[in-house]
Amino acid sequence: MSSLVGSSVFPLNFRNVSYLSTGHRTSRKKVDASSIYARKFVCCSMAPQNLMPADEFRPSKFNQDSSLNLFTEDLDETDVLIECKDVYKSFGEKHILSGVNFKIKYGEAVGIIGPSGTGKSTILKIIAGLLTPDKGEVYIRGRRRHGLISDDDMSGLRIGLVFQSAALFDSLTVRENVGFLLYEHSRMPRDKIQELVAETLAAVGLKDVEDRMPSELSGGMKKRVALARSIINDTTNNTIEPEVLLYDEPTAGLDPIASTVVEDLIRSVHCKGNDALGKPGKIASYVVVTHQHSTIRRAVDRLVFLHEGKVVWEGMTHEFTSSTNPIVQQFASGSLDGPIRY
């Protein structure tokens, strides 16, 4: 059974990826084929191993809740939500990923950065389950994913993907977009779904837009609708599991003010934040693929730098501009001189 990304909680299942559906049909309205991608994801995590460059990254703790114990070496493996281990991916003769290794732990806000074409979005889609690696493994909570079909048999983590383009269904209203998964798969009454949709939209700073079509929204509003779709869940389901949200270039194409709004929203739905309604965030961890320096500064705490299909540097955000790694230095400064060539 496939389900949509971005919403609702199903027992023993992963969160759907922002309407990533392969072959899902809706009986209410015709949905553009290019917009449909909905399926469950399952990844798993493995025992921690030292994947950090020796001189560039020093583990540390977040200052807020020491009980999270996020970056310590004696971290229990159950705190590792996702691990990518020696992941390779090619498209034809074009090699995109060449042995990617990193972990996502409970409570982390991680940014994946690097030059264009180095595999950032590809690794995100592999984590989400939309692509399978040619070689290597993805683990979720210690269990290895074995492709998309077997995801139905796995449990432990819900993963949502928010696409760069928002990927809204053009022929559905905002209400139908945000509540799509619940309308299709939950037993909630329609009036309750409508109430929950309105509340979720308010949580991302949108009110009275339920009856609008995507074509009537600005770029920033579309991003927020996509975020609402990714965090809505079935309130009748008592199974509560950690959630990970994956953002692919969430501020691409937005002006600086709209970018700030989206960056703050990403923070607000995290377990350490409060949404627009002042309620605590529910997202255990999130990963942001970005090129924007403002997003790096405002939305993430740790960085994974990809270059030529490999992780060449990991570090905390405050270490980014002071790193001695020449690749990181060039990227941070925007200089034309350095190892990155276009």
Protein backbone atom coordinates (compact mmCIF):
# COMPACT_ATOMS: atom_id res chain seq x y z
CA MET A 1 0.00 0.00 0.00
CA SER A 2 1.36 3.39 -0.84
CA SER A 3 0.76 6.60 1.02
CA LEU A 4 1.52 10.26 0.56
CA VAL A 5 4.35 12.25 1.87
CA GLY A 6 3.92 15.01 4.18
CA SER A 7 1.07 14.01 6.33
CA SER A 8 -0.49 11.70 8.73
CA VAL A 9 0.81 8.94 10.82
CA PHE A 10 0.22 5.32 10.01
CA PRO A 11 1.32 2.59 12.41
CA LEU A 12 4.57 0.94 11.47
CA ASN A 13 4.91 3.14 8.43
CA PHE A 14 7.03 6.01 7.26
CA ARG A 15 5.75 9.47 6.59
CA ASN A 16 4.82 10.02 3.04
CA VAL A 17 7.00 12.14 0.96
CA SER A 18 5.32 15.31 -0.01
CA TYR A 19 3.00 13.71 -2.37
CA LEU A 20 5.46 11.46 -3.90
CA SER A 21 3.31 8.91 -5.35
CA THR A 22 3.95 6.33 -7.93
CA GLY A 23 0.70 5.19 -9.33
CA HIS A 24 -1.63 6.71 -6.75
CA ARG A 25 -5.05 7.66 -8.02
CA THR A 26 -7.63 10.07 -6.72
CA SER A 27 -11.29 9.75 -7.48
CA ARG A 28 -12.21 13.36 -6.68
CA LYS A 29 -10.40 15.24 -9.40
CA LYS A 30 -7.95 14.64 -12.12
CA VAL A 31 -4.42 15.07 -10.81
CA ASP A 32 -1.57 15.99 -13.11
CA ALA A 33 0.62 12.95 -13.71
CA SER A 34 3.76 15.04 -13.34
CA SER A 35 2.69 16.00 -9.83
CA ILE A 36 1.96 12.55 -8.48
CA TYR A 37 4.49 10.77 -6.44
CA ALA A 38 3.24 9.19 -3.29
CA ARG A 39 4.73 6.36 -1.39
CA LYS A 40 5.99 5.38 2.01
CA PHE A 41 9.64 5.48 2.82
CA VAL A 42 11.61 3.45 5.11
CA CYS A 43 15.23 3.80 5.88
CA CYS A 44 17.11 2.60 8.85
CA SER A 45 20.05 3.45 10.99
CA MET A 46 23.08 1.46 11.99
CA ALA A 47 25.52 1.49 14.85
CA PRO A 48 27.40 4.79 14.94
CA GLN A 49 30.81 4.94 13.40
CA ASN A 50 33.30 7.77 13.12
CA LEU A 51 32.63 9.42 9.77
CA MET A 52 33.91 12.87 10.66
CA PRO A 53 37.06 14.46 9.22
CA ALA A 54 39.75 14.51 11.86
CA ASP A 55 40.54 18.20 12.11
CA GLU A 56 37.38 19.85 10.87
CA PHE A 57 34.55 18.63 13.07
CA ARG A 58 34.42 18.37 16.82
CA PRO A 59 31.34 16.71 18.33
CA SER A 60 29.43 18.89 20.75
CA LYS A 61 26.02 19.10 22.38
CA PHE A 62 23.15 21.41 21.74
CA ASN A 63 22.84 23.80 24.63
CA GLN A 64 19.19 23.24 25.31
CA ASP A 65 18.47 19.73 26.51
CA SER A 66 21.42 17.65 27.58
CA SER A 67 19.20 14.60 27.77
CA LEU A 68 19.19 14.48 23.98
CA ASN A 69 22.93 13.72 24.09
CA LEU A 70 23.14 14.45 20.38
CA PHE A 71 26.82 14.49 19.51
CA THR A 72 28.60 12.46 22.14
CA GLU A 73 30.79 9.51 21.19
CA ASP A 74 28.96 7.15 23.60
CA LEU A 75 25.65 7.91 21.92
CA ASP A 76 23.17 5.05 22.02
CA GLU A 77 22.56 3.73 18.52
CA THR A 78 18.80 4.26 18.92
CA ASP A 79 19.51 8.02 18.75
CA VAL A 80 20.84 7.59 15.21
CA LEU A 81 17.79 7.92 13.00
CA ILE A 82 19.38 7.66 9.55
CA GLU A 83 22.77 6.53 8.28
CA CYS A 84 24.06 6.57 4.73
CA LYS A 85 26.95 4.17 4.36
CA ASP A 86 29.18 4.17 1.27
CA VAL A 87 26.34 5.19 -1.04
CA TYR A 88 26.99 5.29 -4.81
CA LYS A 89 24.63 6.45 -7.54
CA SER A 90 25.06 6.96 -11.28
CA PHE A 91 22.72 7.91 -14.10
CA GLY A 92 24.05 6.27 -17.22
CA GLU A 93 27.72 7.18 -17.49
CA LYS A 94 27.36 10.18 -15.17
CA HIS A 95 28.60 9.36 -11.67
CA ILE A 96 26.74 11.42 -9.07
CA LEU A 97 27.55 9.84 -5.69
CA SER A 98 30.85 8.10 -5.04
CA GLY A 99 30.72 6.72 -1.52
CA VAL A 100 28.68 9.04 0.69
CA ASN A 101 28.82 8.48 4.45
CA PHE A 102 27.01 10.42 7.19
CA LYS A 103 24.51 10.03 10.03
CA ILE A 104 21.46 11.98 11.17
CA LYS A 105 20.83 11.83 14.90
CA TYR A 106 17.76 12.59 16.96
CA GLY A 107 17.24 16.32 17.40
CA GLU A 108 19.62 17.44 14.68
CA ALA A 109 19.07 20.21 12.14
CA VAL A 110 21.46 19.32 9.32
CA GLY A 111 22.29 21.15 6.12
CA ILE A 112 23.69 19.42 3.03
CA ILE A 113 25.65 21.94 0.98
CA GLY A 114 28.08 21.96 -1.91
CA PRO A 115 28.44 22.99 -5.56
CA SER A 116 25.67 22.37 -8.09
CA GLY A 117 25.58 18.86 -9.53
CA THR A 118 27.41 17.22 -6.67
CA GLY A 119 24.55 14.94 -5.61
CA LYS A 120 22.77 16.82 -2.82
CA SER A 121 19.24 16.30 -4.09
CA THR A 122 20.11 12.76 -5.17
CA ILE A 123 21.14 11.68 -1.67
CA LEU A 124 17.98 13.30 -0.30
CA LYS A 125 15.81 11.26 -2.68
CA ILE A 126 17.72 8.09 -1.78
CA ILE A 127 17.04 8.72 1.92
CA ALA A 128 13.38 9.37 1.10
CA GLY A 129 13.14 6.15 -0.89
CA LEU A 130 12.45 7.64 -4.30
CA LEU A 131 15.77 6.35 -5.63
CA THR A 132 17.76 3.26 -4.73
CA PRO A 133 21.56 3.38 -4.51
CA ASP A 134 23.66 1.46 -7.00
CA LYS A 135 25.92 0.45 -4.14
CA GLY A 136 25.98 1.03 -0.39
CA GLU A 137 23.25 1.05 2.20
CA VAL A 138 20.77 3.37 3.88
CA TYR A 139 19.80 2.45 7.42
CA ILE A 140 16.94 3.68 9.53
CA ARG A 141 17.17 2.99 13.21
CA GLY A 142 19.58 0.14 12.64
CA ARG A 143 17.61 -1.61 9.91
CA ARG A 144 18.65 -1.62 6.29
CA ARG A 145 16.28 -0.54 3.57
CA HIS A 146 15.94 -3.06 0.77
CA GLY A 147 14.18 -0.95 -1.79
CA LEU A 148 10.76 0.59 -2.07
CA ILE A 149 8.54 -2.49 -2.01
CA SER A 150 9.80 -3.85 1.30
CA ASP A 151 9.26 -0.48 2.97
CA ASP A 152 5.75 -1.63 3.82
CA ASP A 153 7.25 -4.19 6.17
CA MET A 154 9.40 -1.73 8.08
CA SER A 155 8.65 0.58 10.96
CA GLY A 156 10.14 3.12 13.25
CA LEU A 157 10.42 6.41 11.39
CA ARG A 158 8.26 8.67 9.27
CA ILE A 159 10.09 10.63 6.59
CA GLY A 160 8.65 13.57 4.68
CA LEU A 161 10.14 15.25 1.64
CA VAL A 162 9.36 18.86 0.75
CA PHE A 163 10.24 19.41 -2.88
CA GLN A 164 12.02 22.43 -4.27
CA SER A 165 9.07 23.19 -6.54
CA ALA A 166 6.53 22.48 -3.75
CA ALA A 167 4.97 19.81 -6.05
CA LEU A 168 1.39 20.81 -5.29
CA PHE A 169 -1.44 19.24 -7.25
CA ASP A 170 -2.44 22.01 -9.65
CA SER A 171 -6.01 20.77 -10.02
CA LEU A 172 -6.71 20.52 -6.29
CA THR A 173 -7.43 23.30 -3.82
CA VAL A 174 -5.07 24.14 -0.98
CA ARG A 175 -7.37 22.24 1.40
CA GLU A 176 -7.29 19.15 -0.80
CA ASN A 177 -3.52 19.39 -1.23
CA VAL A 178 -2.79 19.65 2.48
CA GLY A 179 -5.33 17.02 3.50
CA PHE A 180 -4.71 14.69 0.56
CA LEU A 181 -3.29 11.82 2.58
CA LEU A 182 -6.00 12.01 5.21
CA TYR A 183 -8.79 12.15 2.64
CA GLU A 184 -7.37 9.09 0.90
CA HIS A 185 -6.18 6.91 3.79
CA SER A 186 -7.61 7.95 7.16
CA ARG A 187 -10.99 7.29 8.72
CA MET A 188 -11.32 10.82 10.01
CA PRO A 189 -14.63 12.56 9.20
CA ARG A 190 -14.32 15.16 6.45
CA ASP A 191 -15.23 18.01 8.79
CA LYS A 192 -12.46 16.97 11.19
CA ILE A 193 -9.97 16.83 8.33
CA GLN A 194 -11.01 20.33 7.27
CA GLU A 195 -10.48 21.59 10.82
CA LEU A 196 -7.07 19.95 10.99
CA VAL A 197 -6.08 21.37 7.60
CA ALA A 198 -7.02 24.88 8.74
CA GLU A 199 -5.09 24.44 11.99
CA THR A 200 -2.02 23.12 10.17
CA LEU A 201 -2.08 25.98 7.68
CA ALA A 202 -2.31 28.42 10.58
CA ALA A 203 0.72 26.73 12.13
CA VAL A 204 2.76 27.75 9.08
CA GLY A 205 1.31 31.24 9.05
CA LEU A 206 -1.46 30.84 6.46
CA LYS A 207 -5.13 31.59 7.08
CA ASP A 208 -8.21 31.63 4.86
CA VAL A 209 -6.44 30.14 1.86
CA GLU A 210 -8.07 26.70 1.92
CA ASP A 211 -10.26 27.33 -1.13
CA ARG A 212 -7.52 28.84 -3.30
CA MET A 213 -5.88 26.99 -6.14
CA PRO A 214 -2.06 26.69 -6.29
CA SER A 215 -2.02 29.08 -9.26
CA GLU A 216 -3.41 31.78 -6.95
CA LEU A 217 -0.51 31.52 -4.49
CA SER A 218 2.85 33.26 -4.43
CA GLY A 219 6.05 31.23 -4.43
CA GLY A 220 6.50 31.65 -0.69
CA MET A 221 2.92 30.63 0.01
CA LYS A 222 3.33 27.49 -2.09
CA LYS A 223 6.40 26.55 -0.02
CA ARG A 224 4.38 26.98 3.17
CA VAL A 225 1.49 24.90 1.83
CA ALA A 226 3.97 22.15 0.96
CA LEU A 227 5.36 22.35 4.49
CA ALA A 228 1.85 22.12 5.95
CA ARG A 229 1.19 19.04 3.83
CA SER A 230 4.37 17.46 5.16
CA ILE A 231 3.56 17.93 8.86
CA ILE A 232 -0.18 17.20 9.02
CA ASN A 233 -1.02 13.88 10.62
CA ASP A 234 -3.92 11.66 11.55
CA THR A 235 -4.93 12.70 15.08
CA THR A 236 -6.96 9.50 15.53
CA ASN A 237 -3.81 7.40 15.32
CA ASN A 238 -2.14 6.89 18.68
CA THR A 239 1.16 5.67 17.27
CA ILE A 240 3.73 8.43 17.78
CA GLU A 241 7.11 7.92 16.15
CA PRO A 242 10.02 10.29 15.47
CA GLU A 243 9.73 12.19 12.23
CA VAL A 244 12.37 13.47 9.84
CA LEU A 245 11.65 16.14 7.26
CA LEU A 246 13.82 16.51 4.18
CA TYR A 247 13.83 19.90 2.44
CA ASP A 248 15.17 20.24 -1.10
CA GLU A 249 16.19 23.88 -1.69
CA PRO A 250 13.26 25.25 0.37
CA THR A 251 14.15 28.91 -0.29
CA ALA A 252 15.09 28.62 -3.96
CA GLY A 253 13.58 31.41 -6.04
CA LEU A 254 12.35 33.40 -3.03
CA ASP A 255 13.22 36.98 -2.16
CA PRO A 256 15.20 37.59 1.06
CA ILE A 257 12.13 38.33 3.19
CA ALA A 258 10.17 35.32 1.94
CA SER A 259 13.30 33.21 2.50
CA THR A 260 13.46 34.37 6.11
CA VAL A 261 9.80 33.42 6.61
CA VAL A 262 10.41 29.90 5.30
CA GLU A 263 13.65 29.50 7.26
CA ASP A 264 11.88 30.47 10.48
CA LEU A 265 9.06 28.06 9.70
CA ILE A 266 11.54 25.23 9.25
CA ARG A 267 12.88 26.00 12.71
CA SER A 268 9.41 26.36 14.20
CA VAL A 269 8.20 22.85 13.40
CA HIS A 270 11.37 21.29 14.84
CA CYS A 271 11.16 19.69 18.27
CA LYS A 272 13.05 22.68 19.71
CA GLY A 273 10.81 25.32 18.20
CA ASN A 274 7.25 26.67 18.40
CA ASP A 275 5.00 27.04 15.37
CA ALA A 276 3.01 30.11 14.36
CA LEU A 277 0.32 29.11 16.87
CA GLY A 278 2.88 28.88 19.66
CA LYS A 279 2.64 25.11 19.90
CA PRO A 280 5.79 22.95 20.29
CA GLY A 281 7.20 21.52 17.07
CA LYS A 282 6.91 17.79 16.42
CA ILE A 283 9.68 17.12 13.91
CA ALA A 284 12.46 15.10 15.54
CA SER A 285 15.16 16.02 13.00
CA TYR A 286 15.41 17.64 9.61
CA VAL A 287 17.79 17.88 6.67
CA VAL A 288 18.00 20.89 4.36
CA VAL A 289 19.68 20.89 0.95
CA THR A 290 20.59 24.49 0.19
CA HIS A 291 22.95 26.91 -1.56
CA GLN A 292 21.75 29.95 0.35
CA HIS A 293 23.98 31.39 3.03
CA SER A 294 20.98 32.81 4.89
CA THR A 295 19.44 29.34 5.12
CA ILE A 296 22.75 27.95 6.35
CA ARG A 297 22.93 30.60 9.07
CA ARG A 298 19.30 30.54 10.16
CA ALA A 299 17.95 27.05 9.60
CA VAL A 300 20.66 24.47 10.41
CA ASP A 301 23.15 23.64 13.16
CA ARG A 302 25.45 21.15 11.45
CA LEU A 303 26.68 20.96 7.86
CA VAL A 304 27.62 18.11 5.53
CA PHE A 305 29.61 19.33 2.51
CA LEU A 306 29.37 17.27 -0.69
CA HIS A 307 31.88 17.71 -3.50
CA GLU A 308 32.32 15.42 -6.49
CA GLY A 309 29.96 12.88 -4.96
CA LYS A 310 31.68 12.56 -1.57
CA VAL A 311 31.51 14.13 1.87
CA VAL A 312 34.62 16.30 2.06
CA TRP A 313 33.79 18.15 5.28
CA GLU A 314 31.43 18.04 8.24
CA GLY A 315 31.14 20.69 10.90
CA MET A 316 28.94 22.93 12.96
CA THR A 317 27.45 25.94 11.22
CA HIS A 318 29.61 28.40 13.15
CA GLU A 319 32.71 26.58 11.87
CA PHE A 320 31.72 27.00 8.24
CA THR A 321 33.30 30.40 7.58
CA SER A 322 36.42 29.66 9.60
CA SER A 323 37.24 26.24 8.13
CA THR A 324 40.73 25.76 6.70
CA ASN A 325 39.44 23.31 4.10
CA PRO A 326 40.12 25.04 0.74
CA ILE A 327 36.90 23.69 -0.80
CA VAL A 328 34.82 25.04 2.07
CA GLN A 329 36.70 28.33 2.05
CA GLN A 330 35.99 28.88 -1.64
CA PHE A 331 32.32 27.98 -1.29
CA ALA A 332 31.89 30.22 1.75
CA SER A 333 33.54 33.20 0.07
CA GLY A 334 32.16 32.68 -3.44
CA SER A 335 35.64 33.07 -4.89
CA LEU A 336 36.42 31.99 -8.44
CA ASP A 337 39.86 30.83 -7.32
CA GLY A 338 40.03 27.40 -5.73
CA PRO A 339 39.49 23.69 -6.28
CA ILE A 340 35.83 24.09 -7.34
CA ARG A 341 35.68 24.69 -11.10
CA TYR A 342 32.72 25.49 -13.34
